[in-house]
Amino acid sequence: DIGDIVRGKDLYLGNKKYNETEREKEKLQNNLKFIFQKIYDGLNDKAKEYYSDDKSGNFYQLREDWWDANRLEVWKAITCGAPDEGEYFRKTACGGQFEAKNNCRCKTNDVPTYLDYVPQFLR
């Protein structure tokens, strides 16, 4: 899912076309490295120091923190065009009692999944 992609934990490798040197996932991850480098460059010195342990240039901790801070906004963006009667997930969403029926959102506007941190192969 999107959270796994942003955090660099997606299991899908992507395809490599005949004339290309990189898989789709490698291209995407390189773009994400570039984006998170820009985010890192815009941080204050104390925050840069906090994220400086990642010498690989992947910014995994920054990605994790960014996703944690922005997952609700990403969900709102994904579901903004969902019809009012659109449903998502099962009755274990939204506090465990209801389906997400309000434009595929819980009434509280919470993200209707508790699976973000369950490994992909177990979902």
PDB file of N, CA and C in Angstrom:
ATOM      1  N   ASP A   1       0.830  -1.190   0.000  1.00  0.00           N
ATOM      2  CA  ASP A   1       0.000   0.000   0.000  1.00  0.00           C
ATOM      3  C   ASP A   1       0.873   1.253   0.000  1.00  0.00           C
ATOM      4  N   ILE A   2       0.260   2.394  -0.029  1.00  0.00           N
ATOM      5  CA  ILE A   2       0.996   3.655  -0.148  1.00  0.00           C
ATOM      6  C   ILE A   2       1.945   3.866   1.017  1.00  0.00           C
ATOM      7  N   GLY A   3       1.508   3.522   2.224  1.00  0.00           N
ATOM      8  CA  GLY A   3       2.381   3.665   3.388  1.00  0.00           C
ATOM      9  C   GLY A   3       3.651   2.848   3.251  1.00  0.00           C
ATOM     10  N   ASP A   4       3.540   1.629   2.736  1.00  0.00           N
ATOM     11  CA  ASP A   4       4.722   0.791   2.529  1.00  0.00           C
ATOM     12  C   ASP A   4       5.634   1.388   1.463  1.00  0.00           C
ATOM     13  N   ILE A   5       5.056   1.936   0.424  1.00  0.00           N
ATOM     14  CA  ILE A   5       5.853   2.553  -0.639  1.00  0.00           C
ATOM     15  C   ILE A   5       6.609   3.753  -0.094  1.00  0.00           C
ATOM     16  N   VAL A   6       5.915   4.642   0.599  1.00  0.00           N
ATOM     17  CA  VAL A   6       6.554   5.848   1.143  1.00  0.00           C
ATOM     18  C   VAL A   6       7.661   5.468   2.114  1.00  0.00           C
ATOM     19  N   ARG A   7       7.398   4.476   2.952  1.00  0.00           N
ATOM     20  CA  ARG A   7       8.368   4.082   3.972  1.00  0.00           C
ATOM     21  C   ARG A   7       9.468   3.179   3.422  1.00  0.00           C
ATOM     22  N   GLY A   8       9.407   2.831   2.126  1.00  0.00           N
ATOM     23  CA  GLY A   8      10.444   2.006   1.514  1.00  0.00           C
ATOM     24  C   GLY A   8      10.347   0.537   1.875  1.00  0.00           C
ATOM     25  N   LYS A   9       9.153   0.066   2.208  1.00  0.00           N
ATOM     26  CA  LYS A   9       8.967  -1.314   2.653  1.00  0.00           C
ATOM     27  C   LYS A   9       8.074  -2.127   1.727  1.00  0.00           C
ATOM     28  N   ASP A  10       7.783  -1.624   0.549  1.00  0.00           N
ATOM     29  CA  ASP A  10       6.897  -2.323  -0.374  1.00  0.00           C
ATOM     30  C   ASP A  10       7.592  -3.566  -0.918  1.00  0.00           C
ATOM     31  N   LEU A  11       6.884  -4.679  -0.970  1.00  0.00           N
ATOM     32  CA  LEU A  11       7.454  -5.938  -1.442  1.00  0.00           C
ATOM     33  C   LEU A  11       7.464  -6.058  -2.967  1.00  0.00           C
ATOM     34  N   TYR A  12       6.620  -5.284  -3.649  1.00  0.00           N
ATOM     35  CA  TYR A  12       6.533  -5.375  -5.106  1.00  0.00           C
ATOM     36  C   TYR A  12       7.823  -4.855  -5.732  1.00  0.00           C
ATOM     37  N   LEU A  13       8.429  -5.656  -6.592  1.00  0.00           N
ATOM     38  CA  LEU A  13       9.689  -5.259  -7.212  1.00  0.00           C
ATOM     39  C   LEU A  13       9.499  -4.434  -8.472  1.00  0.00           C
ATOM     40  N   GLY A  14       8.387  -4.602  -9.146  1.00  0.00           N
ATOM     41  CA  GLY A  14       8.158  -3.886 -10.394  1.00  0.00           C
ATOM     42  C   GLY A  14       8.807  -4.607 -11.559  1.00  0.00           C
ATOM     43  N   ASN A  15       8.429  -4.210 -12.724  1.00  0.00           N
ATOM     44  CA  ASN A  15       8.961  -4.820 -13.940  1.00  0.00           C
ATOM     45  C   ASN A  15      10.067  -3.960 -14.517  1.00  0.00           C
ATOM     46  N   LYS A  16      10.909  -4.593 -15.298  1.00  0.00           N
ATOM     47  CA  LYS A  16      11.943  -3.858 -16.009  1.00  0.00           C
ATOM     48  C   LYS A  16      11.718  -4.099 -17.493  1.00  0.00           C
ATOM     49  N   LYS A  17      11.509  -3.021 -18.232  1.00  0.00           N
ATOM     50  CA  LYS A  17      11.285  -3.146 -19.664  1.00  0.00           C
ATOM     51  C   LYS A  17      12.608  -3.454 -20.363  1.00  0.00           C
ATOM     52  N   TYR A  18      12.505  -3.957 -21.546  1.00  0.00           N
ATOM     53  CA  TYR A  18      13.660  -4.415 -22.315  1.00  0.00           C
ATOM     54  C   TYR A  18      14.768  -3.370 -22.402  1.00  0.00           C
ATOM     55  N   ASN A  19      14.404  -2.127 -22.668  1.00  0.00           N
ATOM     56  CA  ASN A  19      15.402  -1.081 -22.900  1.00  0.00           C
ATOM     57  C   ASN A  19      15.714  -0.260 -21.650  1.00  0.00           C
ATOM     58  N   GLU A  20      15.254  -0.689 -20.485  1.00  0.00           N
ATOM     59  CA  GLU A  20      15.474   0.078 -19.262  1.00  0.00           C
ATOM     60  C   GLU A  20      16.476  -0.628 -18.357  1.00  0.00           C
ATOM     61  N   THR A  21      17.179   0.169 -17.565  1.00  0.00           N
ATOM     62  CA  THR A  21      18.189  -0.388 -16.666  1.00  0.00           C
ATOM     63  C   THR A  21      17.678  -0.548 -15.243  1.00  0.00           C
ATOM     64  N   GLU A  22      16.544   0.071 -14.929  1.00  0.00           N
ATOM     65  CA  GLU A  22      16.005   0.005 -13.572  1.00  0.00           C
ATOM     66  C   GLU A  22      14.592  -0.565 -13.578  1.00  0.00           C
ATOM     67  N   ARG A  23      14.256  -1.241 -12.514  1.00  0.00           N
ATOM     68  CA  ARG A  23      12.879  -1.685 -12.311  1.00  0.00           C
ATOM     69  C   ARG A  23      12.031  -0.476 -11.922  1.00  0.00           C
ATOM     70  N   GLU A  24      10.713  -0.632 -12.039  1.00  0.00           N
ATOM     71  CA  GLU A  24       9.792   0.451 -11.657  1.00  0.00           C
ATOM     72  C   GLU A  24       9.988   0.846 -10.195  1.00  0.00           C
ATOM     73  N   LYS A  25      10.186  -0.133  -9.322  1.00  0.00           N
ATOM     74  CA  LYS A  25      10.372   0.156  -7.901  1.00  0.00           C
ATOM     75  C   LYS A  25      11.640   0.974  -7.678  1.00  0.00           C
ATOM     76  N   GLU A  26      12.723   0.633  -8.382  1.00  0.00           N
ATOM     77  CA  GLU A  26      13.975   1.381  -8.230  1.00  0.00           C
ATOM     78  C   GLU A  26      13.792   2.837  -8.650  1.00  0.00           C
ATOM     79  N   LYS A  27      13.074   3.052  -9.744  1.00  0.00           N
ATOM     80  CA  LYS A  27      12.804   4.424 -10.191  1.00  0.00           C
ATOM     81  C   LYS A  27      12.004   5.179  -9.138  1.00  0.00           C
ATOM     82  N   LEU A  28      10.964   4.533  -8.625  1.00  0.00           N
ATOM     83  CA  LEU A  28      10.125   5.156  -7.608  1.00  0.00           C
ATOM     84  C   LEU A  28      10.939   5.471  -6.359  1.00  0.00           C
ATOM     85  N   GLN A  29      11.741   4.525  -5.903  1.00  0.00           N
ATOM     86  CA  GLN A  29      12.539   4.754  -4.695  1.00  0.00           C
ATOM     87  C   GLN A  29      13.575   5.853  -4.914  1.00  0.00           C
ATOM     88  N   ASN A  30      14.141   5.935  -6.097  1.00  0.00           N
ATOM     89  CA  ASN A  30      15.079   7.031  -6.385  1.00  0.00           C
ATOM     90  C   ASN A  30      14.369   8.377  -6.344  1.00  0.00           C
ATOM     91  N   ASN A  31      13.146   8.431  -6.864  1.00  0.00           N
ATOM     92  CA  ASN A  31      12.363   9.669  -6.777  1.00  0.00           C
ATOM     93  C   ASN A  31      12.050  10.016  -5.330  1.00  0.00           C
ATOM     94  N   LEU A  32      11.702   9.012  -4.533  1.00  0.00           N
ATOM     95  CA  LEU A  32      11.418   9.258  -3.116  1.00  0.00           C
ATOM     96  C   LEU A  32      12.673   9.715  -2.369  1.00  0.00           C
ATOM     97  N   LYS A  33      13.831   9.150  -2.714  1.00  0.00           N
ATOM     98  CA  LYS A  33      15.089   9.623  -2.105  1.00  0.00           C
ATOM     99  C   LYS A  33      15.280  11.109  -2.398  1.00  0.00           C
ATOM    100  N   PHE A  34      15.040  11.491  -3.645  1.00  0.00           N
ATOM    101  CA  PHE A  34      15.179  12.889  -4.050  1.00  0.00           C
ATOM    102  C   PHE A  34      14.210  13.778  -3.268  1.00  0.00           C
ATOM    103  N   ILE A  35      12.961  13.346  -3.167  1.00  0.00           N
ATOM    104  CA  ILE A  35      11.941  14.122  -2.446  1.00  0.00           C
ATOM    105  C   ILE A  35      12.304  14.260  -0.974  1.00  0.00           C
ATOM    106  N   PHE A  36      12.689  13.153  -0.342  1.00  0.00           N
ATOM    107  CA  PHE A  36      13.010  13.222   1.084  1.00  0.00           C
ATOM    108  C   PHE A  36      14.338  13.925   1.338  1.00  0.00           C
ATOM    109  N   GLN A  37      15.222  13.959   0.353  1.00  0.00           N
ATOM    110  CA  GLN A  37      16.434  14.779   0.473  1.00  0.00           C
ATOM    111  C   GLN A  37      16.048  16.254   0.540  1.00  0.00           C
ATOM    112  N   LYS A  38      15.084  16.655  -0.297  1.00  0.00           N
ATOM    113  CA  LYS A  38      14.609  18.045  -0.270  1.00  0.00           C
ATOM    114  C   LYS A  38      13.941  18.368   1.065  1.00  0.00           C
ATOM    115  N   ILE A  39      13.145  17.438   1.579  1.00  0.00           N
ATOM    116  CA  ILE A  39      12.513  17.645   2.887  1.00  0.00           C
ATOM    117  C   ILE A  39      13.594  17.768   3.957  1.00  0.00           C
ATOM    118  N   TYR A  40      14.582  16.877   3.914  1.00  0.00           N
ATOM    119  CA  TYR A  40      15.687  16.903   4.878  1.00  0.00           C
ATOM    120  C   TYR A  40      16.439  18.233   4.806  1.00  0.00           C
ATOM    121  N   ASP A  41      16.717  18.695   3.596  1.00  0.00           N
ATOM    122  CA  ASP A  41      17.445  19.961   3.417  1.00  0.00           C
ATOM    123  C   ASP A  41      16.686  21.144   4.001  1.00  0.00           C
ATOM    124  N   GLY A  42      15.370  21.059   4.065  1.00  0.00           N
ATOM    125  CA  GLY A  42      14.553  22.141   4.604  1.00  0.00           C
ATOM    126  C   GLY A  42      14.377  22.097   6.116  1.00  0.00           C
ATOM    127  N   LEU A  43      14.901  21.074   6.760  1.00  0.00           N
ATOM    128  CA  LEU A  43      14.765  20.948   8.214  1.00  0.00           C
ATOM    129  C   LEU A  43      15.727  21.873   8.947  1.00  0.00           C
ATOM    130  N   ASN A  44      15.397  22.181  10.199  1.00  0.00           N
ATOM    131  CA  ASN A  44      16.333  22.965  11.009  1.00  0.00           C
ATOM    132  C   ASN A  44      17.482  22.055  11.458  1.00  0.00           C
ATOM    133  N   ASP A  45      18.522  22.653  12.021  1.00  0.00           N
ATOM    134  CA  ASP A  45      19.733  21.904  12.363  1.00  0.00           C
ATOM    135  C   ASP A  45      19.483  20.778  13.362  1.00  0.00           C
ATOM    136  N   LYS A  46      18.625  21.021  14.342  1.00  0.00           N
ATOM    137  CA  LYS A  46      18.344  19.997  15.348  1.00  0.00           C
ATOM    138  C   LYS A  46      17.662  18.787  14.712  1.00  0.00           C
ATOM    139  N   ALA A  47      16.709  19.041  13.823  1.00  0.00           N
ATOM    140  CA  ALA A  47      16.023  17.944  13.131  1.00  0.00           C
ATOM    141  C   ALA A  47      16.987  17.217  12.196  1.00  0.00           C
ATOM    142  N   LYS A  48      17.850  17.956  11.512  1.00  0.00           N
ATOM    143  CA  LYS A  48      18.838  17.317  10.635  1.00  0.00           C
ATOM    144  C   LYS A  48      19.743  16.392  11.434  1.00  0.00           C
ATOM    145  N   GLU A  49      20.124  16.844  12.609  1.00  0.00           N
ATOM    146  CA  GLU A  49      20.976  16.016  13.467  1.00  0.00           C
ATOM    147  C   GLU A  49      20.245  14.724  13.853  1.00  0.00           C
ATOM    148  N   TYR A  50      18.965  14.835  14.153  1.00  0.00           N
ATOM    149  CA  TYR A  50      18.158  13.670  14.525  1.00  0.00           C
ATOM    150  C   TYR A  50      18.121  12.638  13.393  1.00  0.00           C
ATOM    151  N   TYR A  51      18.018  13.095  12.154  1.00  0.00           N
ATOM    152  CA  TYR A  51      17.906  12.191  11.009  1.00  0.00           C
ATOM    153  C   TYR A  51      19.245  11.887  10.340  1.00  0.00           C
ATOM    154  N   SER A  52      20.346  12.354  10.889  1.00  0.00           N
ATOM    155  CA  SER A  52      21.652  12.205  10.237  1.00  0.00           C
ATOM    156  C   SER A  52      22.214  10.789  10.303  1.00  0.00           C
ATOM    157  N   ASP A  53      21.649   9.911  11.103  1.00  0.00           N
ATOM    158  CA  ASP A  53      22.168   8.545  11.220  1.00  0.00           C
ATOM    159  C   ASP A  53      22.010   7.733   9.943  1.00  0.00           C
ATOM    160  N   ASP A  54      21.081   8.104   9.097  1.00  0.00           N
ATOM    161  CA  ASP A  54      20.822   7.355   7.869  1.00  0.00           C
ATOM    162  C   ASP A  54      21.822   7.786   6.801  1.00  0.00           C
ATOM    163  N   LYS A  55      22.945   7.103   6.752  1.00  0.00           N
ATOM    164  CA  LYS A  55      24.007   7.443   5.787  1.00  0.00           C
ATOM    165  C   LYS A  55      23.717   6.893   4.393  1.00  0.00           C
ATOM    166  N   SER A  56      22.685   6.069   4.271  1.00  0.00           N
ATOM    167  CA  SER A  56      22.377   5.454   2.979  1.00  0.00           C
ATOM    168  C   SER A  56      21.727   6.434   2.005  1.00  0.00           C
ATOM    169  N   GLY A  57      21.192   7.540   2.531  1.00  0.00           N
ATOM    170  CA  GLY A  57      20.488   8.482   1.679  1.00  0.00           C
ATOM    171  C   GLY A  57      19.044   8.102   1.434  1.00  0.00           C
ATOM    172  N   ASN A  58      18.563   7.056   2.095  1.00  0.00           N
ATOM    173  CA  ASN A  58      17.176   6.627   1.935  1.00  0.00           C
ATOM    174  C   ASN A  58      16.223   7.352   2.869  1.00  0.00           C
ATOM    175  N   PHE A  59      16.738   7.904   3.949  1.00  0.00           N
ATOM    176  CA  PHE A  59      15.933   8.664   4.921  1.00  0.00           C
ATOM    177  C   PHE A  59      14.765   7.841   5.458  1.00  0.00           C
ATOM    178  N   TYR A  60      15.030   6.598   5.831  1.00  0.00           N
ATOM    179  CA  TYR A  60      13.951   5.718   6.285  1.00  0.00           C
ATOM    180  C   TYR A  60      13.232   6.248   7.524  1.00  0.00           C
ATOM    181  N   GLN A  61      13.969   6.769   8.501  1.00  0.00           N
ATOM    182  CA  GLN A  61      13.305   7.282   9.702  1.00  0.00           C
ATOM    183  C   GLN A  61      12.492   8.533   9.380  1.00  0.00           C
ATOM    184  N   LEU A  62      13.017   9.396   8.520  1.00  0.00           N
ATOM    185  CA  LEU A  62      12.278  10.582   8.094  1.00  0.00           C
ATOM    186  C   LEU A  62      11.006  10.168   7.350  1.00  0.00           C
ATOM    187  N   ARG A  63      11.099   9.178   6.497  1.00  0.00           N
ATOM    188  CA  ARG A  63       9.929   8.675   5.779  1.00  0.00           C
ATOM    189  C   ARG A  63       8.877   8.137   6.747  1.00  0.00           C
ATOM    190  N   GLU A  64       9.347   7.357   7.723  1.00  0.00           N
ATOM    191  CA  GLU A  64       8.442   6.781   8.722  1.00  0.00           C
ATOM    192  C   GLU A  64       7.714   7.889   9.473  1.00  0.00           C
ATOM    193  N   ASP A  65       8.457   8.887   9.909  1.00  0.00           N
ATOM    194  CA  ASP A  65       7.865   9.999  10.655  1.00  0.00           C
ATOM    195  C   ASP A  65       6.944  10.835   9.772  1.00  0.00           C
ATOM    196  N   TRP A  66       7.358  11.050   8.509  1.00  0.00           N
ATOM    197  CA  TRP A  66       6.512  11.808   7.585  1.00  0.00           C
ATOM    198  C   TRP A  66       5.187  11.069   7.384  1.00  0.00           C
ATOM    199  N   TRP A  67       5.253   9.751   7.165  1.00  0.00           N
ATOM    200  CA  TRP A  67       4.035   8.974   6.958  1.00  0.00           C
ATOM    201  C   TRP A  67       3.142   9.041   8.186  1.00  0.00           C
ATOM    202  N   ASP A  68       3.724   8.910   9.363  1.00  0.00           N
ATOM    203  CA  ASP A  68       2.952   8.972  10.599  1.00  0.00           C
ATOM    204  C   ASP A  68       2.233  10.319  10.727  1.00  0.00           C
ATOM    205  N   ALA A  69       2.908  11.384  10.328  1.00  0.00           N
ATOM    206  CA  ALA A  69       2.328  12.727  10.442  1.00  0.00           C
ATOM    207  C   ALA A  69       1.314  13.040   9.344  1.00  0.00           C
ATOM    208  N   ASN A  70       1.426  12.383   8.191  1.00  0.00           N
ATOM    209  CA  ASN A  70       0.620  12.773   7.028  1.00  0.00           C
ATOM    210  C   ASN A  70      -0.336  11.716   6.498  1.00  0.00           C
ATOM    211  N   ARG A  71      -0.394  10.553   7.116  1.00  0.00           N
ATOM    212  CA  ARG A  71      -1.229   9.478   6.564  1.00  0.00           C
ATOM    213  C   ARG A  71      -2.703   9.857   6.496  1.00  0.00           C
ATOM    214  N   LEU A  72      -3.192  10.610   7.449  1.00  0.00           N
ATOM    215  CA  LEU A  72      -4.594  11.027   7.417  1.00  0.00           C
ATOM    216  C   LEU A  72      -4.855  11.946   6.227  1.00  0.00           C
ATOM    217  N   GLU A  73      -3.941  12.874   5.964  1.00  0.00           N
ATOM    218  CA  GLU A  73      -4.112  13.784   4.825  1.00  0.00           C
ATOM    219  C   GLU A  73      -4.029  13.027   3.503  1.00  0.00           C
ATOM    220  N   VAL A  74      -3.149  12.034   3.439  1.00  0.00           N
ATOM    221  CA  VAL A  74      -3.060  11.202   2.233  1.00  0.00           C
ATOM    222  C   VAL A  74      -4.372  10.448   2.035  1.00  0.00           C
ATOM    223  N   TRP A  75      -4.923   9.892   3.113  1.00  0.00           N
ATOM    224  CA  TRP A  75      -6.199   9.172   3.026  1.00  0.00           C
ATOM    225  C   TRP A  75      -7.315  10.098   2.558  1.00  0.00           C
ATOM    226  N   LYS A  76      -7.349  11.317   3.092  1.00  0.00           N
ATOM    227  CA  LYS A  76      -8.376  12.275   2.659  1.00  0.00           C
ATOM    228  C   LYS A  76      -8.240  12.569   1.170  1.00  0.00           C
ATOM    229  N   ALA A  77      -7.009  12.714   0.705  1.00  0.00           N
ATOM    230  CA  ALA A  77      -6.787  12.995  -0.715  1.00  0.00           C
ATOM    231  C   ALA A  77      -7.230  11.819  -1.584  1.00  0.00           C
ATOM    232  N   ILE A  78      -6.964  10.611  -1.133  1.00  0.00           N
ATOM    233  CA  ILE A  78      -7.353   9.425  -1.896  1.00  0.00           C
ATOM    234  C   ILE A  78      -8.867   9.298  -1.966  1.00  0.00           C
ATOM    235  N   THR A  79      -9.556   9.596  -0.884  1.00  0.00           N
ATOM    236  CA  THR A  79     -10.999   9.364  -0.814  1.00  0.00           C
ATOM    237  C   THR A  79     -11.837  10.592  -1.134  1.00  0.00           C
ATOM    238  N   CYS A  80     -11.229  11.700  -1.496  1.00  0.00           N
ATOM    239  CA  CYS A  80     -12.012  12.922  -1.699  1.00  0.00           C
ATOM    240  C   CYS A  80     -13.040  12.778  -2.814  1.00  0.00           C
ATOM    241  N   GLY A  81     -12.771  11.933  -3.787  1.00  0.00           N
ATOM    242  CA  GLY A  81     -13.720  11.742  -4.879  1.00  0.00           C
ATOM    243  C   GLY A  81     -14.623  10.534  -4.710  1.00  0.00           C
ATOM    244  N   ALA A  82     -14.530   9.869  -3.574  1.00  0.00           N
ATOM    245  CA  ALA A  82     -15.367   8.683  -3.346  1.00  0.00           C
ATOM    246  C   ALA A  82     -16.822   9.106  -3.176  1.00  0.00           C
ATOM    247  N   PRO A  83     -17.750   8.331  -3.715  1.00  0.00           N
ATOM    248  CA  PRO A  83     -19.167   8.689  -3.558  1.00  0.00           C
ATOM    249  C   PRO A  83     -19.601   8.587  -2.096  1.00  0.00           C
ATOM    250  N   ASP A  84     -20.647   9.326  -1.751  1.00  0.00           N
ATOM    251  CA  ASP A  84     -21.155   9.305  -0.375  1.00  0.00           C
ATOM    252  C   ASP A  84     -21.488   7.893   0.090  1.00  0.00           C
ATOM    253  N   GLU A  85     -22.004   7.074  -0.826  1.00  0.00           N
ATOM    254  CA  GLU A  85     -22.377   5.715  -0.449  1.00  0.00           C
ATOM    255  C   GLU A  85     -21.209   4.732  -0.573  1.00  0.00           C
ATOM    256  N   GLY A  86     -20.021   5.237  -0.916  1.00  0.00           N
ATOM    257  CA  GLY A  86     -18.851   4.374  -1.048  1.00  0.00           C
ATOM    258  C   GLY A  86     -18.481   3.734   0.280  1.00  0.00           C
ATOM    259  N   GLU A  87     -18.153   2.441   0.222  1.00  0.00           N
ATOM    260  CA  GLU A  87     -17.787   1.709   1.431  1.00  0.00           C
ATOM    261  C   GLU A  87     -16.373   1.176   1.288  1.00  0.00           C
ATOM    262  N   TYR A  88     -15.677   1.124   2.395  1.00  0.00           N
ATOM    263  CA  TYR A  88     -14.324   0.591   2.413  1.00  0.00           C
ATOM    264  C   TYR A  88     -14.139  -0.271   3.640  1.00  0.00           C
ATOM    265  N   PHE A  89     -13.562  -1.399   3.438  1.00  0.00           N
ATOM    266  CA  PHE A  89     -13.132  -2.298   4.503  1.00  0.00           C
ATOM    267  C   PHE A  89     -14.284  -3.034   5.142  1.00  0.00           C
ATOM    268  N   ARG A  90     -14.059  -3.619   6.221  1.00  0.00           N
ATOM    269  CA  ARG A  90     -15.069  -4.434   6.889  1.00  0.00           C
ATOM    270  C   ARG A  90     -15.434  -3.810   8.227  1.00  0.00           C
ATOM    271  N   LYS A  91     -16.300  -4.439   8.954  1.00  0.00           N
ATOM    272  CA  LYS A  91     -16.810  -3.841  10.188  1.00  0.00           C
ATOM    273  C   LYS A  91     -15.781  -3.758  11.309  1.00  0.00           C
ATOM    274  N   THR A  92     -14.572  -4.185  11.060  1.00  0.00           N
ATOM    275  CA  THR A  92     -13.525  -4.036  12.071  1.00  0.00           C
ATOM    276  C   THR A  92     -12.872  -2.664  11.973  1.00  0.00           C
ATOM    277  N   ALA A  93     -13.202  -1.910  10.949  1.00  0.00           N
ATOM    278  CA  ALA A  93     -12.662  -0.555  10.801  1.00  0.00           C
ATOM    279  C   ALA A  93     -13.429   0.401  11.707  1.00  0.00           C
ATOM    280  N   CYS A  94     -12.979   1.602  11.806  1.00  0.00           N
ATOM    281  CA  CYS A  94     -13.689   2.671  12.519  1.00  0.00           C
ATOM    282  C   CYS A  94     -14.033   2.278  13.954  1.00  0.00           C
ATOM    283  N   GLY A  95     -13.055   1.893  14.693  1.00  0.00           N
ATOM    284  CA  GLY A  95     -13.281   1.532  16.087  1.00  0.00           C
ATOM    285  C   GLY A  95     -13.802   0.121  16.273  1.00  0.00           C
ATOM    286  N   GLY A  96     -13.801  -0.671  15.211  1.00  0.00           N
ATOM    287  CA  GLY A  96     -14.186  -2.063  15.321  1.00  0.00           C
ATOM    288  C   GLY A  96     -15.666  -2.358  15.205  1.00  0.00           C
ATOM    289  N   GLN A  97     -16.497  -1.359  14.929  1.00  0.00           N
ATOM    290  CA  GLN A  97     -17.935  -1.591  14.902  1.00  0.00           C
ATOM    291  C   GLN A  97     -18.579  -1.336  13.547  1.00  0.00           C
ATOM    292  N   PHE A  98     -17.970  -0.536  12.722  1.00  0.00           N
ATOM    293  CA  PHE A  98     -18.642  -0.059  11.521  1.00  0.00           C
ATOM    294  C   PHE A  98     -17.768  -0.218  10.288  1.00  0.00           C
ATOM    295  N   GLU A  99     -18.420  -0.206   9.128  1.00  0.00           N
ATOM    296  CA  GLU A  99     -17.706  -0.070   7.865  1.00  0.00           C
ATOM    297  C   GLU A  99     -17.454   1.409   7.643  1.00  0.00           C
ATOM    298  N   ALA A 100     -16.458   1.718   6.855  1.00  0.00           N
ATOM    299  CA  ALA A 100     -16.192   3.109   6.504  1.00  0.00           C
ATOM    300  C   ALA A 100     -17.128   3.475   5.352  1.00  0.00           C
ATOM    301  N   LYS A 101     -18.219   4.182   5.637  1.00  0.00           N
ATOM    302  CA  LYS A 101     -19.253   4.456   4.636  1.00  0.00           C
ATOM    303  C   LYS A 101     -19.322   5.917   4.204  1.00  0.00           C
ATOM    304  N   ASN A 102     -18.721   6.820   4.887  1.00  0.00           N
ATOM    305  CA  ASN A 102     -18.797   8.252   4.562  1.00  0.00           C
ATOM    306  C   ASN A 102     -17.663   8.610   3.620  1.00  0.00           C
ATOM    307  N   ASN A 103     -17.890   8.523   2.342  1.00  0.00           N
ATOM    308  CA  ASN A 103     -16.838   8.734   1.351  1.00  0.00           C
ATOM    309  C   ASN A 103     -15.651   7.821   1.645  1.00  0.00           C
ATOM    310  N   CYS A 104     -15.932   6.602   2.036  1.00  0.00           N
ATOM    311  CA  CYS A 104     -14.913   5.616   2.406  1.00  0.00           C
ATOM    312  C   CYS A 104     -14.089   6.058   3.612  1.00  0.00           C
ATOM    313  N   ARG A 105     -14.672   6.844   4.487  1.00  0.00           N
ATOM    314  CA  ARG A 105     -13.984   7.304   5.697  1.00  0.00           C
ATOM    315  C   ARG A 105     -14.821   6.948   6.917  1.00  0.00           C
ATOM    316  N   CYS A 106     -14.162   6.857   8.055  1.00  0.00           N
ATOM    317  CA  CYS A 106     -14.886   6.718   9.318  1.00  0.00           C
ATOM    318  C   CYS A 106     -15.535   8.063   9.626  1.00  0.00           C
ATOM    319  N   LYS A 107     -16.609   8.058  10.414  1.00  0.00           N
ATOM    320  CA  LYS A 107     -17.283   9.314  10.748  1.00  0.00           C
ATOM    321  C   LYS A 107     -16.349  10.290  11.445  1.00  0.00           C
ATOM    322  N   THR A 108     -15.361   9.771  12.150  1.00  0.00           N
ATOM    323  CA  THR A 108     -14.399  10.625  12.860  1.00  0.00           C
ATOM    324  C   THR A 108     -13.277  11.106  11.948  1.00  0.00           C
ATOM    325  N   ASN A 109     -13.319  10.741  10.668  1.00  0.00           N
ATOM    326  CA  ASN A 109     -12.291  11.059   9.681  1.00  0.00           C
ATOM    327  C   ASN A 109     -10.984  10.325   9.927  1.00  0.00           C
ATOM    328  N   ASP A 110     -10.995   9.307  10.793  1.00  0.00           N
ATOM    329  CA  ASP A 110      -9.805   8.494  11.013  1.00  0.00           C
ATOM    330  C   ASP A 110      -9.574   7.609   9.795  1.00  0.00           C
ATOM    331  N   VAL A 111      -8.328   7.221   9.595  1.00  0.00           N
ATOM    332  CA  VAL A 111      -8.016   6.259   8.548  1.00  0.00           C
ATOM    333  C   VAL A 111      -8.572   4.912   9.001  1.00  0.00           C
ATOM    334  N   PRO A 112      -9.402   4.247   8.178  1.00  0.00           N
ATOM    335  CA  PRO A 112     -10.103   3.045   8.632  1.00  0.00           C
ATOM    336  C   PRO A 112      -9.281   1.767   8.549  1.00  0.00           C
ATOM    337  N   THR A 113      -8.038   1.817   8.885  1.00  0.00           N
ATOM    338  CA  THR A 113      -7.252   0.587   8.872  1.00  0.00           C
ATOM    339  C   THR A 113      -6.308   0.545  10.049  1.00  0.00           C
ATOM    340  N   TYR A 114      -6.168  -0.618  10.563  1.00  0.00           N
ATOM    341  CA  TYR A 114      -5.211  -0.845  11.628  1.00  0.00           C
ATOM    342  C   TYR A 114      -4.081  -1.729  11.101  1.00  0.00           C
ATOM    343  N   LEU A 115      -3.997  -1.874   9.798  1.00  0.00           N
ATOM    344  CA  LEU A 115      -3.029  -2.779   9.191  1.00  0.00           C
ATOM    345  C   LEU A 115      -1.746  -2.097   8.734  1.00  0.00           C
ATOM    346  N   ASP A 116      -1.578  -0.814   8.986  1.00  0.00           N
ATOM    347  CA  ASP A 116      -0.400  -0.101   8.504  1.00  0.00           C
ATOM    348  C   ASP A 116       0.907  -0.772   8.895  1.00  0.00           C
ATOM    349  N   TYR A 117       0.965  -1.317  10.070  1.00  0.00           N
ATOM    350  CA  TYR A 117       2.232  -1.847  10.552  1.00  0.00           C
ATOM    351  C   TYR A 117       2.244  -3.371  10.620  1.00  0.00           C
ATOM    352  N   VAL A 118       1.278  -4.001   9.957  1.00  0.00           N
ATOM    353  CA  VAL A 118       1.289  -5.450   9.797  1.00  0.00           C
ATOM    354  C   VAL A 118       2.084  -5.726   8.526  1.00  0.00           C
ATOM    355  N   PRO A 119       3.058  -6.629   8.564  1.00  0.00           N
ATOM    356  CA  PRO A 119       3.844  -6.904   7.352  1.00  0.00           C
ATOM    357  C   PRO A 119       2.948  -7.264   6.172  1.00  0.00           C
ATOM    358  N   GLN A 120       3.357  -6.813   4.994  1.00  0.00           N
ATOM    359  CA  GLN A 120       2.539  -7.014   3.792  1.00  0.00           C
ATOM    360  C   GLN A 120       2.171  -8.470   3.556  1.00  0.00           C
ATOM    361  N   PHE A 121       3.113  -9.363   3.744  1.00  0.00           N
ATOM    362  CA  PHE A 121       2.836 -10.755   3.422  1.00  0.00           C
ATOM    363  C   PHE A 121       1.807 -11.385   4.357  1.00  0.00           C
ATOM    364  N   LEU A 122       1.467 -10.712   5.458  1.00  0.00           N
ATOM    365  CA  LEU A 122       0.444 -11.214   6.370  1.00  0.00           C
ATOM    366  C   LEU A 122      -0.927 -10.590   6.132  1.00  0.00           C
ATOM    367  N   ARG A 123      -1.006  -9.589   5.265  1.00  0.00           N
ATOM    368  CA  ARG A 123      -2.297  -8.927   5.029  1.00  0.00           C
ATOM    369  C   ARG A 123      -3.128  -9.695   4.046  1.00  0.00           C
TER     370      ARG A 123
END
